[in-house]
PDB file of all heavy atoms in Angstrom:
ATOM      1  N   PHE A   1       1.779   1.845   1.432  1.00  0.00           N
ATOM      2  CA  PHE A   1       1.381   1.195   2.714  1.00  0.00           C
ATOM      3  C   PHE A   1       1.099  -0.286   2.439  1.00  0.00           C
ATOM      4  O   PHE A   1       0.565  -0.545   1.486  1.00  0.00           O
ATOM      5  CB  PHE A   1       0.053   1.844   3.289  1.00  0.00           C
ATOM      6  CG  PHE A   1       0.143   3.326   3.518  1.00  0.00           C
ATOM      7  CD1 PHE A   1      -0.575   4.160   2.804  1.00  0.00           C
ATOM      8  CD2 PHE A   1       0.889   3.746   4.597  1.00  0.00           C
ATOM      9  CE1 PHE A   1      -0.496   5.503   3.037  1.00  0.00           C
ATOM     10  CE2 PHE A   1       0.943   5.151   4.936  1.00  0.00           C
ATOM     11  CZ  PHE A   1       0.246   6.008   4.140  1.00  0.00           C
ATOM     12  N   ARG A   2       1.470  -1.073   3.467  1.00  0.00           N
ATOM     13  CA  ARG A   2       1.123  -2.457   3.380  1.00  0.00           C
ATOM     14  C   ARG A   2       0.647  -2.832   4.833  1.00  0.00           C
ATOM     15  O   ARG A   2       1.354  -2.469   5.801  1.00  0.00           O
ATOM     16  CB  ARG A   2       2.436  -3.309   3.114  1.00  0.00           C
ATOM     17  CG  ARG A   2       2.051  -4.806   3.100  1.00  0.00           C
ATOM     18  CD  ARG A   2       3.234  -5.659   2.579  1.00  0.00           C
ATOM     19  NE  ARG A   2       2.711  -6.949   2.082  1.00  0.00           N
ATOM     20  CZ  ARG A   2       3.424  -7.791   1.336  1.00  0.00           C
ATOM     21  NH1 ARG A   2       4.608  -7.362   0.951  1.00  0.00           N
ATOM     22  NH2 ARG A   2       2.949  -8.963   1.027  1.00  0.00           N
ATOM     23  N   ILE A   3      -0.483  -3.416   4.897  1.00  0.00           N
ATOM     24  CA  ILE A   3      -1.130  -3.819   6.156  1.00  0.00           C
ATOM     25  C   ILE A   3      -1.033  -5.325   6.269  1.00  0.00           C
ATOM     26  O   ILE A   3      -1.684  -6.092   5.614  1.00  0.00           O
ATOM     27  CB  ILE A   3      -2.530  -3.347   6.153  1.00  0.00           C
ATOM     28  CG1 ILE A   3      -2.679  -1.916   5.644  1.00  0.00           C
ATOM     29  CG2 ILE A   3      -3.059  -3.441   7.595  1.00  0.00           C
ATOM     30  CD1 ILE A   3      -2.006  -0.914   6.330  1.00  0.00           C
ATOM     31  N   ARG A   4      -0.251  -5.764   7.361  1.00  0.00           N
ATOM     32  CA  ARG A   4      -0.149  -7.223   7.591  1.00  0.00           C
ATOM     33  C   ARG A   4      -1.045  -7.542   8.682  1.00  0.00           C
ATOM     34  O   ARG A   4      -0.998  -6.949   9.816  1.00  0.00           O
ATOM     35  CB  ARG A   4       1.306  -7.601   7.921  1.00  0.00           C
ATOM     36  CG  ARG A   4       2.390  -7.085   6.851  1.00  0.00           C
ATOM     37  CD  ARG A   4       3.578  -7.760   6.927  1.00  0.00           C
ATOM     38  NE  ARG A   4       4.627  -6.877   6.398  1.00  0.00           N
ATOM     39  CZ  ARG A   4       6.020  -7.289   6.264  1.00  0.00           C
ATOM     40  NH1 ARG A   4       6.295  -8.545   6.560  1.00  0.00           N
ATOM     41  NH2 ARG A   4       6.878  -6.501   5.785  1.00  0.00           N
ATOM     42  N   SER A   5      -1.910  -8.450   8.404  1.00  0.00           N
ATOM     43  CA  SER A   5      -2.994  -8.807   9.491  1.00  0.00           C
ATOM     44  C   SER A   5      -3.364 -10.239   9.080  1.00  0.00           C
ATOM     45  O   SER A   5      -2.749 -10.879   8.356  1.00  0.00           O
ATOM     46  CB  SER A   5      -4.215  -7.908   9.259  1.00  0.00           C
ATOM     47  OG  SER A   5      -4.821  -8.099   8.085  1.00  0.00           O
ATOM     48  N   THR A   6      -4.542 -10.653   9.749  1.00  0.00           N
ATOM     49  CA  THR A   6      -4.894 -12.006   9.338  1.00  0.00           C
ATOM     50  C   THR A   6      -5.395 -12.157   7.974  1.00  0.00           C
ATOM     51  O   THR A   6      -5.539 -13.250   7.397  1.00  0.00           O
ATOM     52  CB  THR A   6      -6.060 -12.468  10.395  1.00  0.00           C
ATOM     53  OG1 THR A   6      -7.153 -11.393  10.265  1.00  0.00           O
ATOM     54  CG2 THR A   6      -5.639 -12.551  11.692  1.00  0.00           C
ATOM     55  N   TYR A   7      -5.712 -11.009   7.320  1.00  0.00           N
ATOM     56  CA  TYR A   7      -6.057 -11.036   5.878  1.00  0.00           C
ATOM     57  C   TYR A   7      -4.918 -11.314   5.112  1.00  0.00           C
ATOM     58  O   TYR A   7      -5.034 -11.767   3.932  1.00  0.00           O
ATOM     59  CB  TYR A   7      -6.719  -9.688   5.625  1.00  0.00           C
ATOM     60  CG  TYR A   7      -8.152  -9.542   6.227  1.00  0.00           C
ATOM     61  CD1 TYR A   7      -8.262  -8.619   7.128  1.00  0.00           C
ATOM     62  CD2 TYR A   7      -9.274 -10.258   5.712  1.00  0.00           C
ATOM     63  CE1 TYR A   7      -9.569  -8.293   7.813  1.00  0.00           C
ATOM     64  CE2 TYR A   7     -10.340 -10.143   6.313  1.00  0.00           C
ATOM     65  CZ  TYR A   7     -10.689  -9.145   7.294  1.00  0.00           C
ATOM     66  OH  TYR A   7     -11.894  -8.942   7.911  1.00  0.00           O
ATOM     67  N   SER A   8      -3.619 -10.859   5.445  1.00  0.00           N
ATOM     68  CA  SER A   8      -2.467 -11.062   4.668  1.00  0.00           C
ATOM     69  C   SER A   8      -1.341 -11.004   5.567  1.00  0.00           C
ATOM     70  O   SER A   8      -1.060  -9.830   6.104  1.00  0.00           O
ATOM     71  CB  SER A   8      -2.420 -10.187   3.500  1.00  0.00           C
ATOM     72  OG  SER A   8      -1.154 -10.411   2.837  1.00  0.00           O
ATOM     73  N   THR A   9      -0.492 -12.015   5.693  1.00  0.00           N
ATOM     74  CA  THR A   9       0.740 -11.940   6.520  1.00  0.00           C
ATOM     75  C   THR A   9       1.940 -12.006   5.731  1.00  0.00           C
ATOM     76  O   THR A   9       3.044 -11.996   6.199  1.00  0.00           O
ATOM     77  CB  THR A   9       0.705 -12.940   7.573  1.00  0.00           C
ATOM     78  OG1 THR A   9       0.693 -14.347   7.011  1.00  0.00           O
ATOM     79  CG2 THR A   9      -0.474 -12.740   8.584  1.00  0.00           C
ATOM     80  N   ALA A  10       1.857 -12.311   4.494  1.00  0.00           N
ATOM     81  CA  ALA A  10       3.065 -12.580   3.556  1.00  0.00           C
ATOM     82  C   ALA A  10       3.953 -11.386   3.603  1.00  0.00           C
ATOM     83  O   ALA A  10       3.567 -10.342   3.624  1.00  0.00           O
ATOM     84  CB  ALA A  10       2.552 -13.016   2.257  1.00  0.00           C
ATOM     85  N   SER A  11       5.387 -11.698   3.419  1.00  0.00           N
ATOM     86  CA  SER A  11       6.314 -10.682   3.331  1.00  0.00           C
ATOM     87  C   SER A  11       7.058 -10.696   1.937  1.00  0.00           C
ATOM     88  O   SER A  11       7.928 -10.016   1.700  1.00  0.00           O
ATOM     89  CB  SER A  11       7.366 -10.823   4.402  1.00  0.00           C
ATOM     90  OG  SER A  11       8.051 -12.070   4.331  1.00  0.00           O
ATOM     91  N   SER A  12       6.470 -11.537   1.028  1.00  0.00           N
ATOM     92  CA  SER A  12       7.111 -11.608  -0.238  1.00  0.00           C
ATOM     93  C   SER A  12       7.169 -10.200  -0.979  1.00  0.00           C
ATOM     94  O   SER A  12       6.194  -9.500  -0.882  1.00  0.00           O
ATOM     95  CB  SER A  12       6.297 -12.648  -1.166  1.00  0.00           C
ATOM     96  OG  SER A  12       6.713 -12.499  -2.463  1.00  0.00           O
ATOM     97  N   THR A  13       8.247  -9.936  -1.662  1.00  0.00           N
ATOM     98  CA  THR A  13       8.219  -8.689  -2.426  1.00  0.00           C
ATOM     99  C   THR A  13       7.332  -8.609  -3.714  1.00  0.00           C
ATOM    100  O   THR A  13       7.224  -7.615  -4.260  1.00  0.00           O
ATOM    101  CB  THR A  13       9.701  -8.340  -2.849  1.00  0.00           C
ATOM    102  OG1 THR A  13      10.130  -9.421  -3.583  1.00  0.00           O
ATOM    103  CG2 THR A  13      10.507  -8.156  -1.580  1.00  0.00           C
ATOM    104  N   SER A  14       6.894  -9.764  -3.978  1.00  0.00           N
ATOM    105  CA  SER A  14       5.926  -9.824  -5.176  1.00  0.00           C
ATOM    106  C   SER A  14       4.447 -10.038  -4.773  1.00  0.00           C
ATOM    107  O   SER A  14       3.759  -9.998  -5.689  1.00  0.00           O
ATOM    108  CB  SER A  14       6.459 -10.884  -6.197  1.00  0.00           C
ATOM    109  OG  SER A  14       6.213 -12.193  -5.454  1.00  0.00           O
ATOM    110  N   ASP A  15       4.246 -10.278  -3.517  1.00  0.00           N
ATOM    111  CA  ASP A  15       2.835 -10.411  -3.152  1.00  0.00           C
ATOM    112  C   ASP A  15       2.094  -9.115  -2.829  1.00  0.00           C
ATOM    113  O   ASP A  15       2.517  -8.393  -1.840  1.00  0.00           O
ATOM    114  CB  ASP A  15       2.774 -11.267  -1.773  1.00  0.00           C
ATOM    115  CG  ASP A  15       1.384 -11.389  -1.181  1.00  0.00           C
ATOM    116  OD1 ASP A  15       0.365 -11.149  -1.923  1.00  0.00           O
ATOM    117  OD2 ASP A  15       1.327 -11.588   0.087  1.00  0.00           O
ATOM    118  N   GLY A  16       1.232  -8.670  -3.654  1.00  0.00           N
ATOM    119  CA  GLY A  16       0.663  -7.262  -3.502  1.00  0.00           C
ATOM    120  C   GLY A  16      -0.607  -7.240  -2.698  1.00  0.00           C
ATOM    121  O   GLY A  16      -1.357  -6.233  -2.732  1.00  0.00           O
ATOM    122  N   THR A  17      -0.935  -8.287  -1.902  1.00  0.00           N
ATOM    123  CA  THR A  17      -2.245  -8.229  -1.185  1.00  0.00           C
ATOM    124  C   THR A  17      -2.093  -7.236  -0.068  1.00  0.00           C
ATOM    125  O   THR A  17      -1.040  -7.059   0.632  1.00  0.00           O
ATOM    126  CB  THR A  17      -2.536  -9.607  -0.640  1.00  0.00           C
ATOM    127  OG1 THR A  17      -1.509 -10.090   0.306  1.00  0.00           O
ATOM    128  CG2 THR A  17      -2.721 -10.620  -1.756  1.00  0.00           C
ATOM    129  N   ASN A  18      -3.256  -6.642   0.213  1.00  0.00           N
ATOM    130  CA  ASN A  18      -3.263  -5.595   1.303  1.00  0.00           C
ATOM    131  C   ASN A  18      -2.299  -4.599   1.195  1.00  0.00           C
ATOM    132  O   ASN A  18      -1.741  -4.203   2.259  1.00  0.00           O
ATOM    133  CB  ASN A  18      -3.449  -6.357   2.623  1.00  0.00           C
ATOM    134  CG  ASN A  18      -4.824  -6.969   2.806  1.00  0.00           C
ATOM    135  OD1 ASN A  18      -5.779  -6.245   3.338  1.00  0.00           O
ATOM    136  ND2 ASN A  18      -4.884  -8.230   2.449  1.00  0.00           N
ATOM    137  N   THR A  19      -1.972  -4.090   0.055  1.00  0.00           N
ATOM    138  CA  THR A  19      -1.216  -2.914  -0.083  1.00  0.00           C
ATOM    139  C   THR A  19      -1.913  -1.772  -0.843  1.00  0.00           C
ATOM    140  O   THR A  19      -2.920  -2.026  -1.639  1.00  0.00           O
ATOM    141  CB  THR A  19       0.093  -3.208  -1.085  1.00  0.00           C
ATOM    142  OG1 THR A  19      -0.416  -3.596  -2.349  1.00  0.00           O
ATOM    143  CG2 THR A  19       0.889  -4.421  -0.468  1.00  0.00           C
ATOM    144  N   THR A  20      -1.619  -0.547  -0.471  1.00  0.00           N
ATOM    145  CA  THR A  20      -2.263   0.616  -1.289  1.00  0.00           C
ATOM    146  C   THR A  20      -1.324   1.726  -1.236  1.00  0.00           C
ATOM    147  O   THR A  20      -0.191   1.564  -0.699  1.00  0.00           O
ATOM    148  CB  THR A  20      -3.678   0.862  -0.616  1.00  0.00           C
ATOM    149  OG1 THR A  20      -4.288   1.709  -1.454  1.00  0.00           O
ATOM    150  CG2 THR A  20      -3.384   1.590   0.722  1.00  0.00           C
ATOM    151  N   GLN A  21      -1.737   2.757  -1.948  1.00  0.00           N
ATOM    152  CA  GLN A  21      -0.962   3.986  -2.033  1.00  0.00           C
ATOM    153  C   GLN A  21      -1.786   5.207  -1.600  1.00  0.00           C
ATOM    154  O   GLN A  21      -2.962   5.291  -2.007  1.00  0.00           O
ATOM    155  CB  GLN A  21      -0.226   4.050  -3.518  1.00  0.00           C
ATOM    156  CG  GLN A  21       0.547   2.880  -3.730  1.00  0.00           C
ATOM    157  CD  GLN A  21       1.173   2.972  -5.070  1.00  0.00           C
ATOM    158  OE1 GLN A  21       1.304   4.132  -5.659  1.00  0.00           O
ATOM    159  NE2 GLN A  21       1.599   1.855  -5.686  1.00  0.00           N
ATOM    160  N   ALA A  22      -1.111   6.212  -1.134  1.00  0.00           N
ATOM    161  CA  ALA A  22      -1.756   7.503  -0.748  1.00  0.00           C
ATOM    162  C   ALA A  22      -1.228   8.561  -1.824  1.00  0.00           C
ATOM    163  O   ALA A  22      -0.115   8.446  -2.166  1.00  0.00           O
ATOM    164  CB  ALA A  22      -1.578   7.908   0.672  1.00  0.00           C
ATOM    165  N   PHE A  23      -2.065   9.585  -1.987  1.00  0.00           N
ATOM    166  CA  PHE A  23      -1.715  10.600  -3.042  1.00  0.00           C
ATOM    167  C   PHE A  23      -1.964  11.947  -2.348  1.00  0.00           C
ATOM    168  O   PHE A  23      -2.495  12.146  -1.335  1.00  0.00           O
ATOM    169  CB  PHE A  23      -2.543  10.360  -4.241  1.00  0.00           C
ATOM    170  CG  PHE A  23      -2.407   9.031  -4.866  1.00  0.00           C
ATOM    171  CD1 PHE A  23      -3.287   7.979  -4.586  1.00  0.00           C
ATOM    172  CD2 PHE A  23      -1.329   8.709  -5.747  1.00  0.00           C
ATOM    173  CE1 PHE A  23      -3.144   6.682  -5.154  1.00  0.00           C
ATOM    174  CE2 PHE A  23      -1.188   7.555  -6.311  1.00  0.00           C
ATOM    175  CZ  PHE A  23      -2.050   6.495  -6.049  1.00  0.00           C
ATOM    176  N   PHE A  24      -1.571  12.959  -3.196  1.00  0.00           N
ATOM    177  CA  PHE A  24      -1.637  14.371  -2.859  1.00  0.00           C
ATOM    178  C   PHE A  24      -2.490  15.208  -3.979  1.00  0.00           C
ATOM    179  O   PHE A  24      -2.524  14.755  -5.054  1.00  0.00           O
ATOM    180  CB  PHE A  24      -0.305  15.010  -2.713  1.00  0.00           C
ATOM    181  CG  PHE A  24       0.535  14.380  -1.605  1.00  0.00           C
ATOM    182  CD1 PHE A  24       1.288  13.217  -1.775  1.00  0.00           C
ATOM    183  CD2 PHE A  24       0.569  14.948  -0.309  1.00  0.00           C
ATOM    184  CE1 PHE A  24       1.998  12.617  -0.770  1.00  0.00           C
ATOM    185  CE2 PHE A  24       1.359  14.494   0.766  1.00  0.00           C
ATOM    186  CZ  PHE A  24       2.008  13.250   0.399  1.00  0.00           C
ATOM    187  N   ASP A  25      -3.158  16.206  -3.426  1.00  0.00           N
ATOM    188  CA  ASP A  25      -3.830  17.053  -4.339  1.00  0.00           C
ATOM    189  C   ASP A  25      -2.912  17.601  -5.474  1.00  0.00           C
ATOM    190  O   ASP A  25      -1.789  18.029  -5.269  1.00  0.00           O
ATOM    191  CB  ASP A  25      -4.389  18.239  -3.587  1.00  0.00           C
ATOM    192  CG  ASP A  25      -5.062  19.276  -4.428  1.00  0.00           C
ATOM    193  OD1 ASP A  25      -6.234  19.126  -4.864  1.00  0.00           O
ATOM    194  OD2 ASP A  25      -4.459  20.315  -4.846  1.00  0.00           O
ATOM    195  N   GLN A  26      -3.444  17.613  -6.720  1.00  0.00           N
ATOM    196  CA  GLN A  26      -2.546  17.863  -7.894  1.00  0.00           C
ATOM    197  C   GLN A  26      -2.076  19.382  -7.779  1.00  0.00           C
ATOM    198  O   GLN A  26      -0.933  19.651  -8.093  1.00  0.00           O
ATOM    199  CB  GLN A  26      -3.425  17.761  -9.159  1.00  0.00           C
ATOM    200  CG  GLN A  26      -2.575  17.894 -10.445  1.00  0.00           C
ATOM    201  CD  GLN A  26      -1.480  16.852 -10.683  1.00  0.00           C
ATOM    202  OE1 GLN A  26      -1.788  15.667 -10.602  1.00  0.00           O
ATOM    203  NE2 GLN A  26      -0.354  17.293 -10.756  1.00  0.00           N
ATOM    204  N   THR A  27      -2.897  20.331  -7.346  1.00  0.00           N
ATOM    205  CA  THR A  27      -2.455  21.678  -7.305  1.00  0.00           C
ATOM    206  C   THR A  27      -1.305  21.814  -6.318  1.00  0.00           C
ATOM    207  O   THR A  27      -0.384  22.623  -6.617  1.00  0.00           O
ATOM    208  CB  THR A  27      -3.611  22.628  -6.933  1.00  0.00           C
ATOM    209  OG1 THR A  27      -4.680  22.430  -7.905  1.00  0.00           O
ATOM    210  CG2 THR A  27      -3.172  24.069  -6.872  1.00  0.00           C
ATOM    211  N   PHE A  28      -1.449  21.059  -5.229  1.00  0.00           N
ATOM    212  CA  PHE A  28      -0.487  21.076  -4.096  1.00  0.00           C
ATOM    213  C   PHE A  28       0.926  20.581  -4.641  1.00  0.00           C
ATOM    214  O   PHE A  28       1.914  21.372  -4.580  1.00  0.00           O
ATOM    215  CB  PHE A  28      -0.921  20.231  -2.969  1.00  0.00           C
ATOM    216  CG  PHE A  28       0.103  20.050  -1.891  1.00  0.00           C
ATOM    217  CD1 PHE A  28       0.462  21.195  -1.008  1.00  0.00           C
ATOM    218  CD2 PHE A  28       0.725  18.799  -1.739  1.00  0.00           C
ATOM    219  CE1 PHE A  28       1.374  20.981  -0.091  1.00  0.00           C
ATOM    220  CE2 PHE A  28       1.622  18.613  -0.694  1.00  0.00           C
ATOM    221  CZ  PHE A  28       1.894  19.718   0.141  1.00  0.00           C
ATOM    222  N   ILE A  29       1.024  19.605  -5.227  1.00  0.00           N
ATOM    223  CA  ILE A  29       2.231  18.973  -5.760  1.00  0.00           C
ATOM    224  C   ILE A  29       2.699  19.748  -6.937  1.00  0.00           C
ATOM    225  O   ILE A  29       4.095  19.947  -7.038  1.00  0.00           O
ATOM    226  CB  ILE A  29       2.201  17.499  -6.078  1.00  0.00           C
ATOM    227  CG1 ILE A  29       1.053  17.166  -7.040  1.00  0.00           C
ATOM    228  CG2 ILE A  29       2.000  16.665  -4.716  1.00  0.00           C
ATOM    229  CD1 ILE A  29       0.964  15.605  -7.401  1.00  0.00           C
ATOM    230  N   ASP A  30       1.948  20.424  -7.702  1.00  0.00           N
ATOM    231  CA  ASP A  30       2.459  21.231  -8.798  1.00  0.00           C
ATOM    232  C   ASP A  30       3.043  22.467  -8.300  1.00  0.00           C
ATOM    233  O   ASP A  30       4.081  22.944  -8.778  1.00  0.00           O
ATOM    234  CB  ASP A  30       1.200  21.652  -9.714  1.00  0.00           C
ATOM    235  CG  ASP A  30       0.853  20.520 -10.685  1.00  0.00           C
ATOM    236  OD1 ASP A  30       1.543  19.534 -10.738  1.00  0.00           O
ATOM    237  OD2 ASP A  30      -0.293  20.661 -11.210  1.00  0.00           O
TER     238      ASP A  30
END
């Protein structure tokens, strides 16, 4: 996920501000 807002509006592919990742339960993906 990348959230573009007043905190970060950049679109550079190397600018990692205001980005995060979501995950899944280990048993579920196994």
